[in-house]
């Protein structure tokens, strides 16, 4: 987990975004119902705001470590749901 959760710099807070991708591109959100870092209600609100396809799984904040199969299934669902431009 230490390899994937690296510290981020304060410069990340000052970045300018002209058009958030979630407004124009499809998105998926894996709500983890036992998360002690991000409240479930906040996860659902963020997912709803982005009009994400929502999948809920009982698990912790580090769901990709504890339940990699659930994460992989969501990624596969997302990949199968989008059309590749020009294909």
C-alpha atoms as a PDB file:
ATOM      1  CA  UNK A   1       0.000   0.000   0.000  1.00  0.00           C
ATOM      2  CA  UNK A   2       2.894   2.369   0.712  1.00  0.00           C
ATOM      3  CA  UNK A   3       3.888   2.228  -2.964  1.00  0.00           C
ATOM      4  CA  UNK A   4       0.478   3.390  -4.148  1.00  0.00           C
ATOM      5  CA  UNK A   5      -0.319   5.974  -1.471  1.00  0.00           C
ATOM      6  CA  UNK A   6       2.445   8.497  -1.866  1.00  0.00           C
ATOM      7  CA  UNK A   7       2.325  11.965  -0.307  1.00  0.00           C
ATOM      8  CA  UNK A   8       1.046  14.712  -2.546  1.00  0.00           C
ATOM      9  CA  UNK A   9       2.385  18.244  -2.596  1.00  0.00           C
ATOM     10  CA  UNK A  10       0.575  21.437  -1.731  1.00  0.00           C
ATOM     11  CA  UNK A  11       0.881  22.491  -5.375  1.00  0.00           C
ATOM     12  CA  UNK A  12      -1.890  19.980  -6.095  1.00  0.00           C
ATOM     13  CA  UNK A  13      -4.320  22.342  -4.355  1.00  0.00           C
ATOM     14  CA  UNK A  14      -3.608  25.245  -6.699  1.00  0.00           C
ATOM     15  CA  UNK A  15      -4.151  23.445  -9.997  1.00  0.00           C
ATOM     16  CA  UNK A  16      -6.716  25.003 -12.332  1.00  0.00           C
ATOM     17  CA  UNK A  17      -9.293  22.781 -14.014  1.00  0.00           C
ATOM     18  CA  UNK A  18     -11.278  24.301 -16.832  1.00  0.00           C
ATOM     19  CA  UNK A  19     -13.673  21.372 -17.355  1.00  0.00           C
ATOM     20  CA  UNK A  20     -13.843  18.457 -14.931  1.00  0.00           C
ATOM     21  CA  UNK A  21     -13.863  15.139 -16.797  1.00  0.00           C
ATOM     22  CA  UNK A  22     -16.750  13.837 -14.699  1.00  0.00           C
ATOM     23  CA  UNK A  23     -19.063  16.405 -16.295  1.00  0.00           C
ATOM     24  CA  UNK A  24     -18.618  15.061 -19.816  1.00  0.00           C
ATOM     25  CA  UNK A  25     -17.305  11.491 -19.500  1.00  0.00           C
ATOM     26  CA  UNK A  26     -18.905   8.415 -17.999  1.00  0.00           C
ATOM     27  CA  UNK A  27     -17.649   7.430 -14.568  1.00  0.00           C
ATOM     28  CA  UNK A  28     -17.992   4.624 -12.052  1.00  0.00           C
ATOM     29  CA  UNK A  29     -17.751   4.795  -8.281  1.00  0.00           C
ATOM     30  CA  UNK A  30     -17.119   1.988  -5.842  1.00  0.00           C
ATOM     31  CA  UNK A  31     -18.803   2.993  -2.584  1.00  0.00           C
ATOM     32  CA  UNK A  32     -17.201   1.156   0.319  1.00  0.00           C
ATOM     33  CA  UNK A  33     -19.615   0.948   3.196  1.00  0.00           C
ATOM     34  CA  UNK A  34     -17.102   0.420   6.013  1.00  0.00           C
ATOM     35  CA  UNK A  35     -14.805   3.329   5.053  1.00  0.00           C
ATOM     36  CA  UNK A  36     -13.521   5.169   8.133  1.00  0.00           C
ATOM     37  CA  UNK A  37     -11.908   7.970   6.064  1.00  0.00           C
ATOM     38  CA  UNK A  38     -14.674   9.089   3.696  1.00  0.00           C
ATOM     39  CA  UNK A  39     -18.232   8.828   5.072  1.00  0.00           C
ATOM     40  CA  UNK A  40     -20.557   6.664   2.990  1.00  0.00           C
ATOM     41  CA  UNK A  41     -22.979   9.574   2.565  1.00  0.00           C
ATOM     42  CA  UNK A  42     -20.152  11.701   1.137  1.00  0.00           C
ATOM     43  CA  UNK A  43     -19.132   8.914  -1.240  1.00  0.00           C
ATOM     44  CA  UNK A  44     -22.688   8.585  -2.479  1.00  0.00           C
ATOM     45  CA  UNK A  45     -23.024  12.360  -2.877  1.00  0.00           C
ATOM     46  CA  UNK A  46     -19.809  12.608  -4.902  1.00  0.00           C
ATOM     47  CA  UNK A  47     -20.857   9.690  -7.094  1.00  0.00           C
ATOM     48  CA  UNK A  48     -24.330  11.141  -7.633  1.00  0.00           C
ATOM     49  CA  UNK A  49     -22.923  14.571  -8.503  1.00  0.00           C
ATOM     50  CA  UNK A  50     -20.706  12.984 -11.147  1.00  0.00           C
ATOM     51  CA  UNK A  51     -23.646  10.889 -12.404  1.00  0.00           C
ATOM     52  CA  UNK A  52     -21.478   7.834 -11.823  1.00  0.00           C
ATOM     53  CA  UNK A  53     -22.546   4.251 -12.120  1.00  0.00           C
ATOM     54  CA  UNK A  54     -22.440   3.187  -8.478  1.00  0.00           C
ATOM     55  CA  UNK A  55     -21.455  -0.181  -7.081  1.00  0.00           C
ATOM     56  CA  UNK A  56     -21.467  -0.708  -3.311  1.00  0.00           C
ATOM     57  CA  UNK A  57     -19.222  -3.163  -1.497  1.00  0.00           C
ATOM     58  CA  UNK A  58     -18.841  -3.859   2.200  1.00  0.00           C
ATOM     59  CA  UNK A  59     -15.226  -3.015   2.909  1.00  0.00           C
ATOM     60  CA  UNK A  60     -12.682  -0.495   4.097  1.00  0.00           C
ATOM     61  CA  UNK A  61     -10.951   2.532   2.570  1.00  0.00           C
ATOM     62  CA  UNK A  62      -8.239   0.206   1.219  1.00  0.00           C
ATOM     63  CA  UNK A  63     -10.732  -1.889  -0.727  1.00  0.00           C
ATOM     64  CA  UNK A  64      -8.291  -2.503  -3.564  1.00  0.00           C
ATOM     65  CA  UNK A  65      -6.089  -4.389  -1.091  1.00  0.00           C
ATOM     66  CA  UNK A  66      -8.805  -6.237   0.842  1.00  0.00           C
ATOM     67  CA  UNK A  67     -11.089  -7.028  -2.119  1.00  0.00           C
ATOM     68  CA  UNK A  68      -9.160  -6.733  -5.390  1.00  0.00           C
ATOM     69  CA  UNK A  69     -11.779  -8.883  -7.111  1.00  0.00           C
ATOM     70  CA  UNK A  70     -14.504  -6.298  -6.448  1.00  0.00           C
ATOM     71  CA  UNK A  71     -12.279  -3.534  -7.792  1.00  0.00           C
ATOM     72  CA  UNK A  72     -11.361  -5.566 -10.877  1.00  0.00           C
ATOM     73  CA  UNK A  73     -15.033  -6.365 -11.520  1.00  0.00           C
ATOM     74  CA  UNK A  74     -15.907  -2.662 -11.465  1.00  0.00           C
ATOM     75  CA  UNK A  75     -13.040  -1.853 -13.841  1.00  0.00           C
ATOM     76  CA  UNK A  76     -14.170  -4.620 -16.187  1.00  0.00           C
ATOM     77  CA  UNK A  77     -17.767  -3.338 -16.059  1.00  0.00           C
ATOM     78  CA  UNK A  78     -16.570   0.167 -16.896  1.00  0.00           C
ATOM     79  CA  UNK A  79     -14.322  -1.020 -19.721  1.00  0.00           C
ATOM     80  CA  UNK A  80     -17.122  -3.029 -21.311  1.00  0.00           C
ATOM     81  CA  UNK A  81     -19.543  -0.111 -21.031  1.00  0.00           C
ATOM     82  CA  UNK A  82     -17.627   2.502 -22.998  1.00  0.00           C
ATOM     83  CA  UNK A  83     -17.193   2.747 -26.731  1.00  0.00           C
ATOM     84  CA  UNK A  84     -13.765   3.477 -28.132  1.00  0.00           C
ATOM     85  CA  UNK A  85     -13.720   6.515 -30.405  1.00  0.00           C
ATOM     86  CA  UNK A  86     -13.292   5.486 -34.032  1.00  0.00           C
ATOM     87  CA  UNK A  87     -13.983   1.810 -33.361  1.00  0.00           C
END
